[in-house]
Amino acid sequence: MLICNKQPVMLRKFDSGVKAIQTKTHSDDEVFARISSLAQKPDALLKGISPSDAAFTLGIAPALAKEHLLNAENKGLLCRDVSPDGFRFYINLFNEINPQNIYS
């Protein structure tokens, strides 16, 4: 991440190589919280969320929303399904499984 000390924006480079200019106050924790909230809505639990759904919620471009969704997946917050219809992301319920009681 390249940060301009006197400017309210920074250049962000995602793991995929995509670069975006964003405000310094646009933290990953804030984005992850908003994505997690979206992914736990009843409709999203059934059909998942697309980059377009996240873009609408976050008020950003779908390509940038997809990068944030992939980051949330890398952090273990989401799981991804790729189909002919595109990417769909779901809340990661595997984190809640107790490995000591996996067969229950």
PDB file of N, CA and C in Angstrom:
ATOM      1  N   MET A   1       0.826  -1.163   0.000  1.00  0.00           N
ATOM      2  CA  MET A   1       0.000   0.000   0.000  1.00  0.00           C
ATOM      3  C   MET A   1       0.878   1.236   0.000  1.00  0.00           C
ATOM      4  N   LEU A   2       0.647   2.123  -0.903  1.00  0.00           N
ATOM      5  CA  LEU A   2       1.350   3.388  -0.967  1.00  0.00           C
ATOM      6  C   LEU A   2       0.448   4.438  -0.338  1.00  0.00           C
ATOM      7  N   ILE A   3       0.937   5.128   0.664  1.00  0.00           N
ATOM      8  CA  ILE A   3       0.122   6.115   1.356  1.00  0.00           C
ATOM      9  C   ILE A   3       0.728   7.499   1.127  1.00  0.00           C
ATOM     10  N   CYS A   4      -0.084   8.429   0.707  1.00  0.00           N
ATOM     11  CA  CYS A   4       0.336   9.817   0.556  1.00  0.00           C
ATOM     12  C   CYS A   4       0.041  10.510   1.883  1.00  0.00           C
ATOM     13  N   ASN A   5       1.065  10.938   2.577  1.00  0.00           N
ATOM     14  CA  ASN A   5       0.910  11.453   3.941  1.00  0.00           C
ATOM     15  C   ASN A   5      -0.031  12.634   4.058  1.00  0.00           C
ATOM     16  N   LYS A   6      -0.021  13.538   3.102  1.00  0.00           N
ATOM     17  CA  LYS A   6      -0.823  14.755   3.229  1.00  0.00           C
ATOM     18  C   LYS A   6      -2.136  14.682   2.468  1.00  0.00           C
ATOM     19  N   GLN A   7      -2.378  13.591   1.802  1.00  0.00           N
ATOM     20  CA  GLN A   7      -3.591  13.449   1.017  1.00  0.00           C
ATOM     21  C   GLN A   7      -4.558  12.488   1.711  1.00  0.00           C
ATOM     22  N   PRO A   8      -5.869  12.689   1.542  1.00  0.00           N
ATOM     23  CA  PRO A   8      -6.845  11.799   2.190  1.00  0.00           C
ATOM     24  C   PRO A   8      -7.059  10.484   1.440  1.00  0.00           C
ATOM     25  N   VAL A   9      -6.237  10.222   0.415  1.00  0.00           N
ATOM     26  CA  VAL A   9      -6.389   9.002  -0.375  1.00  0.00           C
ATOM     27  C   VAL A   9      -5.072   8.240  -0.425  1.00  0.00           C
ATOM     28  N   MET A  10      -5.178   6.975  -0.830  1.00  0.00           N
ATOM     29  CA  MET A  10      -3.985   6.148  -0.986  1.00  0.00           C
ATOM     30  C   MET A  10      -4.178   5.223  -2.175  1.00  0.00           C
ATOM     31  N   LEU A  11      -3.064   4.743  -2.700  1.00  0.00           N
ATOM     32  CA  LEU A  11      -3.090   3.761  -3.771  1.00  0.00           C
ATOM     33  C   LEU A  11      -3.017   2.388  -3.135  1.00  0.00           C
ATOM     34  N   ARG A  12      -4.000   1.566  -3.426  1.00  0.00           N
ATOM     35  CA  ARG A  12      -4.083   0.229  -2.841  1.00  0.00           C
ATOM     36  C   ARG A  12      -3.840  -0.798  -3.926  1.00  0.00           C
ATOM     37  N   LYS A  13      -2.981  -1.758  -3.648  1.00  0.00           N
ATOM     38  CA  LYS A  13      -2.747  -2.857  -4.588  1.00  0.00           C
ATOM     39  C   LYS A  13      -3.254  -4.139  -3.942  1.00  0.00           C
ATOM     40  N   PHE A  14      -4.236  -4.776  -4.588  1.00  0.00           N
ATOM     41  CA  PHE A  14      -4.809  -6.015  -4.093  1.00  0.00           C
ATOM     42  C   PHE A  14      -3.907  -7.188  -4.465  1.00  0.00           C
ATOM     43  N   ASP A  15      -4.123  -8.332  -3.833  1.00  0.00           N
ATOM     44  CA  ASP A  15      -3.316  -9.531  -4.083  1.00  0.00           C
ATOM     45  C   ASP A  15      -3.333  -9.941  -5.553  1.00  0.00           C
ATOM     46  N   SER A  16      -4.424  -9.657  -6.246  1.00  0.00           N
ATOM     47  CA  SER A  16      -4.551 -10.032  -7.655  1.00  0.00           C
ATOM     48  C   SER A  16      -3.740  -9.118  -8.573  1.00  0.00           C
ATOM     49  N   GLY A  17      -3.255  -8.014  -8.026  1.00  0.00           N
ATOM     50  CA  GLY A  17      -2.531  -7.044  -8.832  1.00  0.00           C
ATOM     51  C   GLY A  17      -3.358  -5.824  -9.189  1.00  0.00           C
ATOM     52  N   VAL A  18      -4.665  -5.877  -8.947  1.00  0.00           N
ATOM     53  CA  VAL A  18      -5.540  -4.742  -9.226  1.00  0.00           C
ATOM     54  C   VAL A  18      -5.146  -3.588  -8.309  1.00  0.00           C
ATOM     55  N   LYS A  19      -5.082  -2.398  -8.885  1.00  0.00           N
ATOM     56  CA  LYS A  19      -4.762  -1.197  -8.113  1.00  0.00           C
ATOM     57  C   LYS A  19      -5.985  -0.293  -8.073  1.00  0.00           C
ATOM     58  N   ALA A  20      -6.207   0.339  -6.927  1.00  0.00           N
ATOM     59  CA  ALA A  20      -7.336   1.242  -6.766  1.00  0.00           C
ATOM     60  C   ALA A  20      -6.937   2.397  -5.860  1.00  0.00           C
ATOM     61  N   ILE A  21      -7.510   3.545  -6.104  1.00  0.00           N
ATOM     62  CA  ILE A  21      -7.317   4.687  -5.220  1.00  0.00           C
ATOM     63  C   ILE A  21      -8.503   4.696  -4.272  1.00  0.00           C
ATOM     64  N   GLN A  22      -8.216   4.752  -2.976  1.00  0.00           N
ATOM     65  CA  GLN A  22      -9.291   4.760  -1.981  1.00  0.00           C
ATOM     66  C   GLN A  22      -8.934   5.709  -0.857  1.00  0.00           C
ATOM     67  N   THR A  23      -9.945   6.114  -0.117  1.00  0.00           N
ATOM     68  CA  THR A  23      -9.697   7.010   1.004  1.00  0.00           C
ATOM     69  C   THR A  23      -8.980   6.264   2.109  1.00  0.00           C
ATOM     70  N   LYS A  24      -8.217   6.984   2.905  1.00  0.00           N
ATOM     71  CA  LYS A  24      -7.470   6.369   3.999  1.00  0.00           C
ATOM     72  C   LYS A  24      -8.412   5.814   5.072  1.00  0.00           C
ATOM     73  N   THR A  25      -9.624   6.346   5.154  1.00  0.00           N
ATOM     74  CA  THR A  25     -10.582   5.879   6.155  1.00  0.00           C
ATOM     75  C   THR A  25     -11.316   4.619   5.722  1.00  0.00           C
ATOM     76  N   HIS A  26     -11.105   4.171   4.502  1.00  0.00           N
ATOM     77  CA  HIS A  26     -11.783   2.983   3.944  1.00  0.00           C
ATOM     78  C   HIS A  26     -10.991   1.730   4.356  1.00  0.00           C
ATOM     79  N   SER A  27     -11.151   1.319   5.605  1.00  0.00           N
ATOM     80  CA  SER A  27     -10.354   0.212   6.144  1.00  0.00           C
ATOM     81  C   SER A  27     -10.931  -1.147   5.763  1.00  0.00           C
ATOM     82  N   ASP A  28     -10.050  -2.158   5.753  1.00  0.00           N
ATOM     83  CA  ASP A  28     -10.498  -3.526   5.485  1.00  0.00           C
ATOM     84  C   ASP A  28     -11.510  -3.981   6.532  1.00  0.00           C
ATOM     85  N   ASP A  29     -11.277  -3.630   7.788  1.00  0.00           N
ATOM     86  CA  ASP A  29     -12.202  -4.052   8.856  1.00  0.00           C
ATOM     87  C   ASP A  29     -13.609  -3.520   8.615  1.00  0.00           C
ATOM     88  N   GLU A  30     -13.706  -2.272   8.176  1.00  0.00           N
ATOM     89  CA  GLU A  30     -15.012  -1.683   7.882  1.00  0.00           C
ATOM     90  C   GLU A  30     -15.681  -2.405   6.717  1.00  0.00           C
ATOM     91  N   VAL A  31     -14.919  -2.658   5.669  1.00  0.00           N
ATOM     92  CA  VAL A  31     -15.451  -3.348   4.489  1.00  0.00           C
ATOM     93  C   VAL A  31     -15.862  -4.773   4.850  1.00  0.00           C
ATOM     94  N   PHE A  32     -15.022  -5.478   5.610  1.00  0.00           N
ATOM     95  CA  PHE A  32     -15.345  -6.851   6.020  1.00  0.00           C
ATOM     96  C   PHE A  32     -16.625  -6.883   6.854  1.00  0.00           C
ATOM     97  N   ALA A  33     -16.812  -5.919   7.732  1.00  0.00           N
ATOM     98  CA  ALA A  33     -18.026  -5.867   8.558  1.00  0.00           C
ATOM     99  C   ALA A  33     -19.262  -5.670   7.687  1.00  0.00           C
ATOM    100  N   ARG A  34     -19.173  -4.799   6.705  1.00  0.00           N
ATOM    101  CA  ARG A  34     -20.317  -4.552   5.821  1.00  0.00           C
ATOM    102  C   ARG A  34     -20.607  -5.764   4.941  1.00  0.00           C
ATOM    103  N   ILE A  35     -19.555  -6.418   4.446  1.00  0.00           N
ATOM    104  CA  ILE A  35     -19.736  -7.615   3.621  1.00  0.00           C
ATOM    105  C   ILE A  35     -20.321  -8.747   4.462  1.00  0.00           C
ATOM    106  N   SER A  36     -19.821  -8.913   5.676  1.00  0.00           N
ATOM    107  CA  SER A  36     -20.324  -9.963   6.564  1.00  0.00           C
ATOM    108  C   SER A  36     -21.801  -9.748   6.872  1.00  0.00           C
ATOM    109  N   SER A  37     -22.174  -8.507   7.121  1.00  0.00           N
ATOM    110  CA  SER A  37     -23.578  -8.186   7.385  1.00  0.00           C
ATOM    111  C   SER A  37     -24.444  -8.508   6.171  1.00  0.00           C
ATOM    112  N   LEU A  38     -23.972  -8.152   4.991  1.00  0.00           N
ATOM    113  CA  LEU A  38     -24.705  -8.452   3.758  1.00  0.00           C
ATOM    114  C   LEU A  38     -24.840  -9.953   3.552  1.00  0.00           C
ATOM    115  N   ALA A  39     -23.761 -10.703   3.799  1.00  0.00           N
ATOM    116  CA  ALA A  39     -23.758 -12.152   3.560  1.00  0.00           C
ATOM    117  C   ALA A  39     -24.652 -12.910   4.538  1.00  0.00           C
ATOM    118  N   GLN A  40     -25.025 -12.287   5.657  1.00  0.00           N
ATOM    119  CA  GLN A  40     -25.866 -12.957   6.644  1.00  0.00           C
ATOM    120  C   GLN A  40     -27.346 -12.632   6.512  1.00  0.00           C
ATOM    121  N   LYS A  41     -27.709 -11.829   5.521  1.00  0.00           N
ATOM    122  CA  LYS A  41     -29.120 -11.535   5.281  1.00  0.00           C
ATOM    123  C   LYS A  41     -29.785 -12.786   4.721  1.00  0.00           C
ATOM    124  N   PRO A  42     -31.069 -12.996   5.024  1.00  0.00           N
ATOM    125  CA  PRO A  42     -31.758 -14.228   4.598  1.00  0.00           C
ATOM    126  C   PRO A  42     -31.625 -14.539   3.110  1.00  0.00           C
ATOM    127  N   ASP A  43     -31.775 -13.545   2.259  1.00  0.00           N
ATOM    128  CA  ASP A  43     -31.671 -13.773   0.818  1.00  0.00           C
ATOM    129  C   ASP A  43     -30.263 -14.213   0.432  1.00  0.00           C
ATOM    130  N   ALA A  44     -29.250 -13.608   1.045  1.00  0.00           N
ATOM    131  CA  ALA A  44     -27.856 -13.957   0.749  1.00  0.00           C
ATOM    132  C   ALA A  44     -27.509 -15.342   1.270  1.00  0.00           C
ATOM    133  N   LEU A  45     -28.122 -15.750   2.371  1.00  0.00           N
ATOM    134  CA  LEU A  45     -27.872 -17.094   2.892  1.00  0.00           C
ATOM    135  C   LEU A  45     -28.356 -18.160   1.913  1.00  0.00           C
ATOM    136  N   LEU A  46     -29.408 -17.840   1.168  1.00  0.00           N
ATOM    137  CA  LEU A  46     -29.953 -18.786   0.186  1.00  0.00           C
ATOM    138  C   LEU A  46     -29.201 -18.776  -1.137  1.00  0.00           C
ATOM    139  N   LYS A  47     -28.950 -17.602  -1.674  1.00  0.00           N
ATOM    140  CA  LYS A  47     -28.366 -17.532  -3.016  1.00  0.00           C
ATOM    141  C   LYS A  47     -26.985 -16.914  -3.072  1.00  0.00           C
ATOM    142  N   GLY A  48     -26.424 -16.514  -1.942  1.00  0.00           N
ATOM    143  CA  GLY A  48     -25.100 -15.911  -1.912  1.00  0.00           C
ATOM    144  C   GLY A  48     -25.137 -14.471  -2.384  1.00  0.00           C
ATOM    145  N   ILE A  49     -23.967 -13.873  -2.445  1.00  0.00           N
ATOM    146  CA  ILE A  49     -23.880 -12.499  -2.939  1.00  0.00           C
ATOM    147  C   ILE A  49     -22.900 -12.457  -4.117  1.00  0.00           C
ATOM    148  N   SER A  50     -23.234 -11.644  -5.059  1.00  0.00           N
ATOM    149  CA  SER A  50     -22.390 -11.465  -6.244  1.00  0.00           C
ATOM    150  C   SER A  50     -21.555 -10.202  -6.055  1.00  0.00           C
ATOM    151  N   PRO A  51     -20.537 -10.036  -6.881  1.00  0.00           N
ATOM    152  CA  PRO A  51     -19.806  -8.770  -6.828  1.00  0.00           C
ATOM    153  C   PRO A  51     -20.718  -7.560  -7.070  1.00  0.00           C
ATOM    154  N   SER A  52     -21.738  -7.724  -7.901  1.00  0.00           N
ATOM    155  CA  SER A  52     -22.679  -6.623  -8.139  1.00  0.00           C
ATOM    156  C   SER A  52     -23.480  -6.293  -6.885  1.00  0.00           C
ATOM    157  N   ASP A  53     -23.893  -7.333  -6.141  1.00  0.00           N
ATOM    158  CA  ASP A  53     -24.614  -7.108  -4.883  1.00  0.00           C
ATOM    159  C   ASP A  53     -23.735  -6.331  -3.908  1.00  0.00           C
ATOM    160  N   ALA A  54     -22.485  -6.751  -3.779  1.00  0.00           N
ATOM    161  CA  ALA A  54     -21.555  -6.089  -2.867  1.00  0.00           C
ATOM    162  C   ALA A  54     -21.265  -4.671  -3.338  1.00  0.00           C
ATOM    163  N   ALA A  55     -21.149  -4.471  -4.646  1.00  0.00           N
ATOM    164  CA  ALA A  55     -20.883  -3.141  -5.196  1.00  0.00           C
ATOM    165  C   ALA A  55     -21.995  -2.174  -4.827  1.00  0.00           C
ATOM    166  N   PHE A  56     -23.236  -2.641  -4.930  1.00  0.00           N
ATOM    167  CA  PHE A  56     -24.375  -1.802  -4.581  1.00  0.00           C
ATOM    168  C   PHE A  56     -24.339  -1.431  -3.103  1.00  0.00           C
ATOM    169  N   THR A  57     -24.064  -2.406  -2.247  1.00  0.00           N
ATOM    170  CA  THR A  57     -24.018  -2.164  -0.802  1.00  0.00           C
ATOM    171  C   THR A  57     -22.866  -1.246  -0.411  1.00  0.00           C
ATOM    172  N   LEU A  58     -21.699  -1.469  -1.022  1.00  0.00           N
ATOM    173  CA  LEU A  58     -20.507  -0.696  -0.661  1.00  0.00           C
ATOM    174  C   LEU A  58     -20.403   0.632  -1.410  1.00  0.00           C
ATOM    175  N   GLY A  59     -21.191   0.791  -2.467  1.00  0.00           N
ATOM    176  CA  GLY A  59     -21.146   2.022  -3.251  1.00  0.00           C
ATOM    177  C   GLY A  59     -19.871   2.152  -4.068  1.00  0.00           C
ATOM    178  N   ILE A  60     -19.407   1.023  -4.614  1.00  0.00           N
ATOM    179  CA  ILE A  60     -18.179   1.004  -5.408  1.00  0.00           C
ATOM    180  C   ILE A  60     -18.416   0.210  -6.688  1.00  0.00           C
ATOM    181  N   ALA A  61     -17.435   0.186  -7.570  1.00  0.00           N
ATOM    182  CA  ALA A  61     -17.544  -0.554  -8.829  1.00  0.00           C
ATOM    183  C   ALA A  61     -17.535  -2.061  -8.578  1.00  0.00           C
ATOM    184  N   PRO A  62     -18.260  -2.841  -9.393  1.00  0.00           N
ATOM    185  CA  PRO A  62     -18.285  -4.299  -9.219  1.00  0.00           C
ATOM    186  C   PRO A  62     -16.905  -4.955  -9.238  1.00  0.00           C
ATOM    187  N   ALA A  63     -15.990  -4.478 -10.083  1.00  0.00           N
ATOM    188  CA  ALA A  63     -14.648  -5.065 -10.139  1.00  0.00           C
ATOM    189  C   ALA A  63     -13.919  -4.867  -8.805  1.00  0.00           C
ATOM    190  N   LEU A  64     -14.089  -3.709  -8.201  1.00  0.00           N
ATOM    191  CA  LEU A  64     -13.465  -3.442  -6.903  1.00  0.00           C
ATOM    192  C   LEU A  64     -14.162  -4.238  -5.799  1.00  0.00           C
ATOM    193  N   ALA A  65     -15.476  -4.365  -5.896  1.00  0.00           N
ATOM    194  CA  ALA A  65     -16.223  -5.164  -4.918  1.00  0.00           C
ATOM    195  C   ALA A  65     -15.764  -6.615  -4.955  1.00  0.00           C
ATOM    196  N   LYS A  66     -15.499  -7.133  -6.156  1.00  0.00           N
ATOM    197  CA  LYS A  66     -15.016  -8.514  -6.293  1.00  0.00           C
ATOM    198  C   LYS A  66     -13.679  -8.675  -5.571  1.00  0.00           C
ATOM    199  N   GLU A  67     -12.805  -7.694  -5.665  1.00  0.00           N
ATOM    200  CA  GLU A  67     -11.518  -7.747  -4.968  1.00  0.00           C
ATOM    201  C   GLU A  67     -11.720  -7.784  -3.455  1.00  0.00           C
ATOM    202  N   HIS A  68     -12.662  -6.991  -2.962  1.00  0.00           N
ATOM    203  CA  HIS A  68     -12.957  -7.005  -1.525  1.00  0.00           C
ATOM    204  C   HIS A  68     -13.556  -8.349  -1.101  1.00  0.00           C
ATOM    205  N   LEU A  69     -14.402  -8.935  -1.940  1.00  0.00           N
ATOM    206  CA  LEU A  69     -14.979 -10.244  -1.634  1.00  0.00           C
ATOM    207  C   LEU A  69     -13.891 -11.315  -1.605  1.00  0.00           C
ATOM    208  N   LEU A  70     -12.967 -11.255  -2.542  1.00  0.00           N
ATOM    209  CA  LEU A  70     -11.863 -12.220  -2.555  1.00  0.00           C
ATOM    210  C   LEU A  70     -10.970 -12.051  -1.327  1.00  0.00           C
ATOM    211  N   ASN A  71     -10.757 -10.805  -0.890  1.00  0.00           N
ATOM    212  CA  ASN A  71     -10.001 -10.571   0.344  1.00  0.00           C
ATOM    213  C   ASN A  71     -10.728 -11.153   1.548  1.00  0.00           C
ATOM    214  N   ALA A  72     -12.050 -10.980   1.586  1.00  0.00           N
ATOM    215  CA  ALA A  72     -12.839 -11.540   2.685  1.00  0.00           C
ATOM    216  C   ALA A  72     -12.767 -13.065   2.662  1.00  0.00           C
ATOM    217  N   GLU A  73     -12.734 -13.642   1.475  1.00  0.00           N
ATOM    218  CA  GLU A  73     -12.571 -15.094   1.355  1.00  0.00           C
ATOM    219  C   GLU A  73     -11.200 -15.516   1.885  1.00  0.00           C
ATOM    220  N   ASN A  74     -10.160 -14.781   1.514  1.00  0.00           N
ATOM    221  CA  ASN A  74      -8.802 -15.091   1.986  1.00  0.00           C
ATOM    222  C   ASN A  74      -8.686 -15.007   3.504  1.00  0.00           C
ATOM    223  N   LYS A  75      -9.485 -14.145   4.124  1.00  0.00           N
ATOM    224  CA  LYS A  75      -9.484 -14.010   5.586  1.00  0.00           C
ATOM    225  C   LYS A  75     -10.359 -15.065   6.264  1.00  0.00           C
ATOM    226  N   GLY A  76     -11.062 -15.885   5.471  1.00  0.00           N
ATOM    227  CA  GLY A  76     -11.900 -16.938   6.030  1.00  0.00           C
ATOM    228  C   GLY A  76     -13.307 -16.506   6.373  1.00  0.00           C
ATOM    229  N   LEU A  77     -13.706 -15.302   5.970  1.00  0.00           N
ATOM    230  CA  LEU A  77     -15.058 -14.821   6.270  1.00  0.00           C
ATOM    231  C   LEU A  77     -16.096 -15.368   5.305  1.00  0.00           C
ATOM    232  N   LEU A  78     -15.686 -15.615   4.063  1.00  0.00           N
ATOM    233  CA  LEU A  78     -16.603 -16.067   3.024  1.00  0.00           C
ATOM    234  C   LEU A  78     -16.088 -17.332   2.354  1.00  0.00           C
ATOM    235  N   CYS A  79     -17.012 -18.039   1.706  1.00  0.00           N
ATOM    236  CA  CYS A  79     -16.694 -19.162   0.830  1.00  0.00           C
ATOM    237  C   CYS A  79     -17.200 -18.781  -0.559  1.00  0.00           C
ATOM    238  N   ARG A  80     -16.533 -19.287  -1.585  1.00  0.00           N
ATOM    239  CA  ARG A  80     -16.869 -18.913  -2.958  1.00  0.00           C
ATOM    240  C   ARG A  80     -17.425 -20.092  -3.726  1.00  0.00           C
ATOM    241  N   ASP A  81     -18.406 -19.821  -4.570  1.00  0.00           N
ATOM    242  CA  ASP A  81     -18.925 -20.794  -5.521  1.00  0.00           C
ATOM    243  C   ASP A  81     -18.786 -20.169  -6.903  1.00  0.00           C
ATOM    244  N   VAL A  82     -18.162 -20.890  -7.812  1.00  0.00           N
ATOM    245  CA  VAL A  82     -18.010 -20.405  -9.184  1.00  0.00           C
ATOM    246  C   VAL A  82     -18.845 -21.314 -10.081  1.00  0.00           C
ATOM    247  N   SER A  83     -19.744 -20.714 -10.824  1.00  0.00           N
ATOM    248  CA  SER A  83     -20.628 -21.463 -11.723  1.00  0.00           C
ATOM    249  C   SER A  83     -20.685 -20.729 -13.054  1.00  0.00           C
ATOM    250  N   PRO A  84     -21.406 -21.272 -14.021  1.00  0.00           N
ATOM    251  CA  PRO A  84     -21.555 -20.553 -15.292  1.00  0.00           C
ATOM    252  C   PRO A  84     -22.193 -19.166 -15.120  1.00  0.00           C
ATOM    253  N   ASP A  85     -22.903 -18.983 -14.016  1.00  0.00           N
ATOM    254  CA  ASP A  85     -23.529 -17.686 -13.737  1.00  0.00           C
ATOM    255  C   ASP A  85     -22.551 -16.692 -13.124  1.00  0.00           C
ATOM    256  N   GLY A  86     -21.350 -17.141 -12.764  1.00  0.00           N
ATOM    257  CA  GLY A  86     -20.348 -16.250 -12.188  1.00  0.00           C
ATOM    258  C   GLY A  86     -20.034 -16.595 -10.740  1.00  0.00           C
ATOM    259  N   PHE A  87     -19.396 -15.664 -10.077  1.00  0.00           N
ATOM    260  CA  PHE A  87     -18.995 -15.831  -8.685  1.00  0.00           C
ATOM    261  C   PHE A  87     -20.169 -15.550  -7.752  1.00  0.00           C
ATOM    262  N   ARG A  88     -20.325 -16.407  -6.750  1.00  0.00           N
ATOM    263  CA  ARG A  88     -21.281 -16.162  -5.647  1.00  0.00           C
ATOM    264  C   ARG A  88     -20.508 -16.432  -4.363  1.00  0.00           C
ATOM    265  N   PHE A  89     -20.686 -15.589  -3.389  1.00  0.00           N
ATOM    266  CA  PHE A  89     -19.994 -15.734  -2.112  1.00  0.00           C
ATOM    267  C   PHE A  89     -21.011 -15.966  -1.005  1.00  0.00           C
ATOM    268  N   TYR A  90     -20.649 -16.825  -0.068  1.00  0.00           N
ATOM    269  CA  TYR A  90     -21.506 -17.196   1.051  1.00  0.00           C
ATOM    270  C   TYR A  90     -20.731 -17.006   2.350  1.00  0.00           C
ATOM    271  N   ILE A  91     -21.454 -16.761   3.423  1.00  0.00           N
ATOM    272  CA  ILE A  91     -20.815 -16.671   4.731  1.00  0.00           C
ATOM    273  C   ILE A  91     -20.148 -18.010   5.034  1.00  0.00           C
ATOM    274  N   ASN A  92     -18.970 -17.987   5.601  1.00  0.00           N
ATOM    275  CA  ASN A  92     -18.207 -19.209   5.879  1.00  0.00           C
ATOM    276  C   ASN A  92     -18.674 -19.819   7.191  1.00  0.00           C
ATOM    277  N   LEU A  93     -19.466 -20.865   7.091  1.00  0.00           N
ATOM    278  CA  LEU A  93     -19.959 -21.563   8.282  1.00  0.00           C
ATOM    279  C   LEU A  93     -18.980 -22.614   8.773  1.00  0.00           C
ATOM    280  N   PHE A  94     -17.970 -22.931   7.973  1.00  0.00           N
ATOM    281  CA  PHE A  94     -16.978 -23.922   8.385  1.00  0.00           C
ATOM    282  C   PHE A  94     -16.201 -23.460   9.613  1.00  0.00           C
ATOM    283  N   ASN A  95     -16.069 -22.145   9.793  1.00  0.00           N
ATOM    284  CA  ASN A  95     -15.380 -21.612  10.976  1.00  0.00           C
ATOM    285  C   ASN A  95     -16.084 -21.992  12.269  1.00  0.00           C
ATOM    286  N   GLU A  96     -17.389 -22.252  12.176  1.00  0.00           N
ATOM    287  CA  GLU A  96     -18.175 -22.558  13.374  1.00  0.00           C
ATOM    288  C   GLU A  96     -18.180 -24.042  13.725  1.00  0.00           C
ATOM    289  N   ILE A  97     -17.607 -24.866  12.885  1.00  0.00           N
ATOM    290  CA  ILE A  97     -17.567 -26.317  13.145  1.00  0.00           C
ATOM    291  C   ILE A  97     -16.480 -26.618  14.175  1.00  0.00           C
ATOM    292  N   ASN A  98     -16.853 -27.366  15.184  1.00  0.00           N
ATOM    293  CA  ASN A  98     -15.901 -27.767  16.205  1.00  0.00           C
ATOM    294  C   ASN A  98     -15.190 -29.017  15.718  1.00  0.00           C
ATOM    295  N   PRO A  99     -13.868 -28.948  15.483  1.00  0.00           N
ATOM    296  CA  PRO A  99     -13.151 -30.125  14.963  1.00  0.00           C
ATOM    297  C   PRO A  99     -13.167 -31.301  15.921  1.00  0.00           C
ATOM    298  N   GLN A 100     -13.397 -31.047  17.203  1.00  0.00           N
ATOM    299  CA  GLN A 100     -13.465 -32.120  18.202  1.00  0.00           C
ATOM    300  C   GLN A 100     -14.801 -32.861  18.127  1.00  0.00           C
ATOM    301  N   ASN A 101     -15.789 -32.208  17.524  1.00  0.00           N
ATOM    302  CA  ASN A 101     -17.139 -32.778  17.482  1.00  0.00           C
ATOM    303  C   ASN A 101     -17.646 -32.764  16.037  1.00  0.00           C
ATOM    304  N   ILE A 102     -16.797 -33.123  15.092  1.00  0.00           N
ATOM    305  CA  ILE A 102     -17.094 -32.987  13.678  1.00  0.00           C
ATOM    306  C   ILE A 102     -18.200 -33.934  13.197  1.00  0.00           C
ATOM    307  N   TYR A 103     -18.401 -35.035  13.859  1.00  0.00           N
ATOM    308  CA  TYR A 103     -19.391 -36.004  13.383  1.00  0.00           C
ATOM    309  C   TYR A 103     -20.772 -35.823  14.000  1.00  0.00           C
ATOM    310  N   SER A 104     -20.946 -34.789  14.791  1.00  0.00           N
ATOM    311  CA  SER A 104     -22.259 -34.545  15.434  1.00  0.00           C
ATOM    312  C   SER A 104     -23.209 -33.863  14.485  1.00  0.00           C
TER     313      SER A 104
END
